[in-house]
Amino acid sequence: MCLIFAYYLVFTDLVLQTLYGTKRQIMIAMLLVYAFYRGYRLYLGIRNNRREKK
């Protein structure tokens, strides 16, 4: 979900009235970092689940 919102912030004028300049770039960076974090946690969960099944 946050990847989709980050995509729209980068490539469209979505919420341009309130988010512009540095605030917009910080929001995009935060969304991308959060998406990476959630993906990493998902990877760890799947990896640990597979180890427990063996």
PDB file of N, CA and C in Angstrom:
ATOM      1  N   MET A   1       0.818  -1.179   0.000  1.00  0.00           N
ATOM      2  CA  MET A   1       0.000   0.000   0.000  1.00  0.00           C
ATOM      3  C   MET A   1       0.872   1.256   0.000  1.00  0.00           C
ATOM      4  N   CYS A   2       1.906   1.253   0.819  1.00  0.00           N
ATOM      5  CA  CYS A   2       2.749   2.447   0.875  1.00  0.00           C
ATOM      6  C   CYS A   2       3.564   2.605  -0.411  1.00  0.00           C
ATOM      7  N   LEU A   3       3.866   1.509  -1.098  1.00  0.00           N
ATOM      8  CA  LEU A   3       4.556   1.626  -2.386  1.00  0.00           C
ATOM      9  C   LEU A   3       3.659   2.299  -3.426  1.00  0.00           C
ATOM     10  N   ILE A   4       2.373   1.984  -3.383  1.00  0.00           N
ATOM     11  CA  ILE A   4       1.431   2.593  -4.320  1.00  0.00           C
ATOM     12  C   ILE A   4       1.321   4.089  -4.051  1.00  0.00           C
ATOM     13  N   PHE A   5       1.201   4.469  -2.784  1.00  0.00           N
ATOM     14  CA  PHE A   5       1.095   5.886  -2.449  1.00  0.00           C
ATOM     15  C   PHE A   5       2.387   6.624  -2.800  1.00  0.00           C
ATOM     16  N   ALA A   6       3.532   6.008  -2.556  1.00  0.00           N
ATOM     17  CA  ALA A   6       4.808   6.629  -2.915  1.00  0.00           C
ATOM     18  C   ALA A   6       4.901   6.812  -4.424  1.00  0.00           C
ATOM     19  N   TYR A   7       4.421   5.834  -5.190  1.00  0.00           N
ATOM     20  CA  TYR A   7       4.401   5.947  -6.654  1.00  0.00           C
ATOM     21  C   TYR A   7       3.564   7.148  -7.080  1.00  0.00           C
ATOM     22  N   TYR A   8       2.375   7.285  -6.497  1.00  0.00           N
ATOM     23  CA  TYR A   8       1.515   8.408  -6.859  1.00  0.00           C
ATOM     24  C   TYR A   8       2.119   9.744  -6.448  1.00  0.00           C
ATOM     25  N   LEU A   9       2.810   9.785  -5.346  1.00  0.00           N
ATOM     26  CA  LEU A   9       3.451  11.030  -4.945  1.00  0.00           C
ATOM     27  C   LEU A   9       4.585  11.415  -5.891  1.00  0.00           C
ATOM     28  N   VAL A  10       5.306  10.425  -6.386  1.00  0.00           N
ATOM     29  CA  VAL A  10       6.436  10.703  -7.268  1.00  0.00           C
ATOM     30  C   VAL A  10       5.966  11.098  -8.668  1.00  0.00           C
ATOM     31  N   PHE A  11       4.986  10.368  -9.201  1.00  0.00           N
ATOM     32  CA  PHE A  11       4.652  10.521 -10.613  1.00  0.00           C
ATOM     33  C   PHE A  11       3.359  11.290 -10.907  1.00  0.00           C
ATOM     34  N   THR A  12       2.638  11.751  -9.895  1.00  0.00           N
ATOM     35  CA  THR A  12       1.414  12.518 -10.148  1.00  0.00           C
ATOM     36  C   THR A  12       1.410  13.764  -9.268  1.00  0.00           C
ATOM     37  N   ASP A  13       0.382  14.560  -9.439  1.00  0.00           N
ATOM     38  CA  ASP A  13       0.219  15.769  -8.633  1.00  0.00           C
ATOM     39  C   ASP A  13      -0.724  15.535  -7.456  1.00  0.00           C
ATOM     40  N   LEU A  14      -0.801  14.301  -7.007  1.00  0.00           N
ATOM     41  CA  LEU A  14      -1.657  13.949  -5.879  1.00  0.00           C
ATOM     42  C   LEU A  14      -1.213  14.707  -4.631  1.00  0.00           C
ATOM     43  N   VAL A  15      -2.127  15.303  -3.940  1.00  0.00           N
ATOM     44  CA  VAL A  15      -1.938  16.128  -2.732  1.00  0.00           C
ATOM     45  C   VAL A  15      -0.810  17.157  -2.878  1.00  0.00           C
ATOM     46  N   LEU A  16      -0.691  17.716  -4.050  1.00  0.00           N
ATOM     47  CA  LEU A  16       0.347  18.718  -4.292  1.00  0.00           C
ATOM     48  C   LEU A  16       0.075  20.003  -3.513  1.00  0.00           C
ATOM     49  N   GLN A  17      -1.203  20.274  -3.199  1.00  0.00           N
ATOM     50  CA  GLN A  17      -1.555  21.493  -2.487  1.00  0.00           C
ATOM     51  C   GLN A  17      -0.971  21.516  -1.074  1.00  0.00           C
ATOM     52  N   THR A  18      -0.913  20.369  -0.425  1.00  0.00           N
ATOM     53  CA  THR A  18      -0.432  20.333   0.959  1.00  0.00           C
ATOM     54  C   THR A  18       0.972  19.771   1.106  1.00  0.00           C
ATOM     55  N   LEU A  19       1.359  18.854   0.223  1.00  0.00           N
ATOM     56  CA  LEU A  19       2.698  18.264   0.286  1.00  0.00           C
ATOM     57  C   LEU A  19       3.518  18.741  -0.908  1.00  0.00           C
ATOM     58  N   TYR A  20       4.482  19.586  -0.654  1.00  0.00           N
ATOM     59  CA  TYR A  20       5.327  20.086  -1.734  1.00  0.00           C
ATOM     60  C   TYR A  20       6.735  20.299  -1.196  1.00  0.00           C
ATOM     61  N   GLY A  21       7.682  20.279  -2.093  1.00  0.00           N
ATOM     62  CA  GLY A  21       9.069  20.540  -1.730  1.00  0.00           C
ATOM     63  C   GLY A  21       9.677  19.452  -0.863  1.00  0.00           C
ATOM     64  N   THR A  22      10.366  19.903   0.168  1.00  0.00           N
ATOM     65  CA  THR A  22      11.093  18.992   1.051  1.00  0.00           C
ATOM     66  C   THR A  22      10.158  18.063   1.811  1.00  0.00           C
ATOM     67  N   LYS A  23       8.996  18.566   2.233  1.00  0.00           N
ATOM     68  CA  LYS A  23       8.036  17.716   2.943  1.00  0.00           C
ATOM     69  C   LYS A  23       7.595  16.548   2.077  1.00  0.00           C
ATOM     70  N   ARG A  24       7.400  16.813   0.810  1.00  0.00           N
ATOM     71  CA  ARG A  24       6.978  15.763  -0.126  1.00  0.00           C
ATOM     72  C   ARG A  24       8.077  14.715  -0.286  1.00  0.00           C
ATOM     73  N   GLN A  25       9.320  15.155  -0.429  1.00  0.00           N
ATOM     74  CA  GLN A  25      10.433  14.223  -0.591  1.00  0.00           C
ATOM     75  C   GLN A  25      10.655  13.385   0.667  1.00  0.00           C
ATOM     76  N   ILE A  26      10.487  13.997   1.832  1.00  0.00           N
ATOM     77  CA  ILE A  26      10.628  13.256   3.088  1.00  0.00           C
ATOM     78  C   ILE A  26       9.529  12.210   3.204  1.00  0.00           C
ATOM     79  N   MET A  27       8.307  12.570   2.828  1.00  0.00           N
ATOM     80  CA  MET A  27       7.196  11.618   2.878  1.00  0.00           C
ATOM     81  C   MET A  27       7.445  10.449   1.941  1.00  0.00           C
ATOM     82  N   ILE A  28       7.928  10.717   0.739  1.00  0.00           N
ATOM     83  CA  ILE A  28       8.230   9.646  -0.218  1.00  0.00           C
ATOM     84  C   ILE A  28       9.321   8.732   0.344  1.00  0.00           C
ATOM     85  N   ALA A  29      10.371   9.310   0.903  1.00  0.00           N
ATOM     86  CA  ALA A  29      11.460   8.512   1.483  1.00  0.00           C
ATOM     87  C   ALA A  29      10.951   7.670   2.647  1.00  0.00           C
ATOM     88  N   MET A  30      10.118   8.260   3.500  1.00  0.00           N
ATOM     89  CA  MET A  30       9.563   7.511   4.629  1.00  0.00           C
ATOM     90  C   MET A  30       8.718   6.340   4.161  1.00  0.00           C
ATOM     91  N   LEU A  31       7.899   6.544   3.146  1.00  0.00           N
ATOM     92  CA  LEU A  31       7.061   5.468   2.623  1.00  0.00           C
ATOM     93  C   LEU A  31       7.908   4.353   2.020  1.00  0.00           C
ATOM     94  N   LEU A  32       8.955   4.714   1.296  1.00  0.00           N
ATOM     95  CA  LEU A  32       9.816   3.692   0.690  1.00  0.00           C
ATOM     96  C   LEU A  32      10.604   2.915   1.745  1.00  0.00           C
ATOM     97  N   VAL A  33      11.087   3.599   2.766  1.00  0.00           N
ATOM     98  CA  VAL A  33      11.806   2.920   3.851  1.00  0.00           C
ATOM     99  C   VAL A  33      10.865   1.989   4.604  1.00  0.00           C
ATOM    100  N   TYR A  34       9.634   2.449   4.850  1.00  0.00           N
ATOM    101  CA  TYR A  34       8.660   1.612   5.545  1.00  0.00           C
ATOM    102  C   TYR A  34       8.304   0.380   4.710  1.00  0.00           C
ATOM    103  N   ALA A  35       8.167   0.555   3.398  1.00  0.00           N
ATOM    104  CA  ALA A  35       7.871  -0.582   2.527  1.00  0.00           C
ATOM    105  C   ALA A  35       9.020  -1.584   2.550  1.00  0.00           C
ATOM    106  N   PHE A  36      10.250  -1.095   2.529  1.00  0.00           N
ATOM    107  CA  PHE A  36      11.404  -1.982   2.613  1.00  0.00           C
ATOM    108  C   PHE A  36      11.411  -2.737   3.946  1.00  0.00           C
ATOM    109  N   TYR A  37      11.134  -2.034   5.030  1.00  0.00           N
ATOM    110  CA  TYR A  37      11.096  -2.647   6.356  1.00  0.00           C
ATOM    111  C   TYR A  37      10.036  -3.744   6.418  1.00  0.00           C
ATOM    112  N   ARG A  38       8.832  -3.461   5.922  1.00  0.00           N
ATOM    113  CA  ARG A  38       7.759  -4.456   5.953  1.00  0.00           C
ATOM    114  C   ARG A  38       8.104  -5.651   5.067  1.00  0.00           C
ATOM    115  N   GLY A  39       8.710  -5.414   3.921  1.00  0.00           N
ATOM    116  CA  GLY A  39       9.129  -6.508   3.053  1.00  0.00           C
ATOM    117  C   GLY A  39      10.179  -7.379   3.711  1.00  0.00           C
ATOM    118  N   TYR A  40      11.107  -6.755   4.414  1.00  0.00           N
ATOM    119  CA  TYR A  40      12.148  -7.499   5.125  1.00  0.00           C
ATOM    120  C   TYR A  40      11.543  -8.342   6.243  1.00  0.00           C
ATOM    121  N   ARG A  41      10.604  -7.772   6.984  1.00  0.00           N
ATOM    122  CA  ARG A  41       9.935  -8.525   8.052  1.00  0.00           C
ATOM    123  C   ARG A  41       9.146  -9.697   7.486  1.00  0.00           C
ATOM    124  N   LEU A  42       8.508  -9.491   6.332  1.00  0.00           N
ATOM    125  CA  LEU A  42       7.780 -10.572   5.683  1.00  0.00           C
ATOM    126  C   LEU A  42       8.738 -11.675   5.259  1.00  0.00           C
ATOM    127  N   TYR A  43       9.881 -11.301   4.699  1.00  0.00           N
ATOM    128  CA  TYR A  43      10.899 -12.274   4.298  1.00  0.00           C
ATOM    129  C   TYR A  43      11.376 -13.083   5.498  1.00  0.00           C
ATOM    130  N   LEU A  44      11.667 -12.410   6.612  1.00  0.00           N
ATOM    131  CA  LEU A  44      12.117 -13.126   7.812  1.00  0.00           C
ATOM    132  C   LEU A  44      11.045 -14.073   8.332  1.00  0.00           C
ATOM    133  N   GLY A  45       9.804 -13.633   8.308  1.00  0.00           N
ATOM    134  CA  GLY A  45       8.714 -14.486   8.776  1.00  0.00           C
ATOM    135  C   GLY A  45       8.556 -15.731   7.929  1.00  0.00           C
ATOM    136  N   ILE A  46       8.629 -15.582   6.615  1.00  0.00           N
ATOM    137  CA  ILE A  46       8.513 -16.734   5.720  1.00  0.00           C
ATOM    138  C   ILE A  46       9.698 -17.667   5.896  1.00  0.00           C
ATOM    139  N   ARG A  47      10.889 -17.099   6.025  1.00  0.00           N
ATOM    140  CA  ARG A  47      12.092 -17.921   6.206  1.00  0.00           C
ATOM    141  C   ARG A  47      12.034 -18.715   7.511  1.00  0.00           C
ATOM    142  N   ASN A  48      11.606 -18.066   8.587  1.00  0.00           N
ATOM    143  CA  ASN A  48      11.518 -18.761   9.871  1.00  0.00           C
ATOM    144  C   ASN A  48      10.410 -19.806   9.858  1.00  0.00           C
ATOM    145  N   ASN A  49       9.333 -19.527   9.154  1.00  0.00           N
ATOM    146  CA  ASN A  49       8.239 -20.484   9.057  1.00  0.00           C
ATOM    147  C   ASN A  49       8.691 -21.738   8.320  1.00  0.00           C
ATOM    148  N   ARG A  50       9.485 -21.568   7.279  1.00  0.00           N
ATOM    149  CA  ARG A  50       9.984 -22.728   6.530  1.00  0.00           C
ATOM    150  C   ARG A  50      10.955 -23.542   7.365  1.00  0.00           C
ATOM    151  N   ARG A  51      11.761 -22.861   8.173  1.00  0.00           N
ATOM    152  CA  ARG A  51      12.718 -23.576   9.033  1.00  0.00           C
ATOM    153  C   ARG A  51      12.002 -24.397  10.090  1.00  0.00           C
ATOM    154  N   GLU A  52      10.907 -23.879  10.622  1.00  0.00           N
ATOM    155  CA  GLU A  52      10.156 -24.599  11.660  1.00  0.00           C
ATOM    156  C   GLU A  52       9.466 -25.838  11.109  1.00  0.00           C
ATOM    157  N   LYS A  53       9.087 -25.802   9.843  1.00  0.00           N
ATOM    158  CA  LYS A  53       8.388 -26.944   9.233  1.00  0.00           C
ATOM    159  C   LYS A  53       9.313 -28.116   8.974  1.00  0.00           C
ATOM    160  N   LYS A  54      10.612 -27.878   8.851  1.00  0.00           N
ATOM    161  CA  LYS A  54      11.563 -28.959   8.540  1.00  0.00           C
ATOM    162  C   LYS A  54      11.856 -29.800   9.717  1.00  0.00           C
TER     163      LYS A  54
END
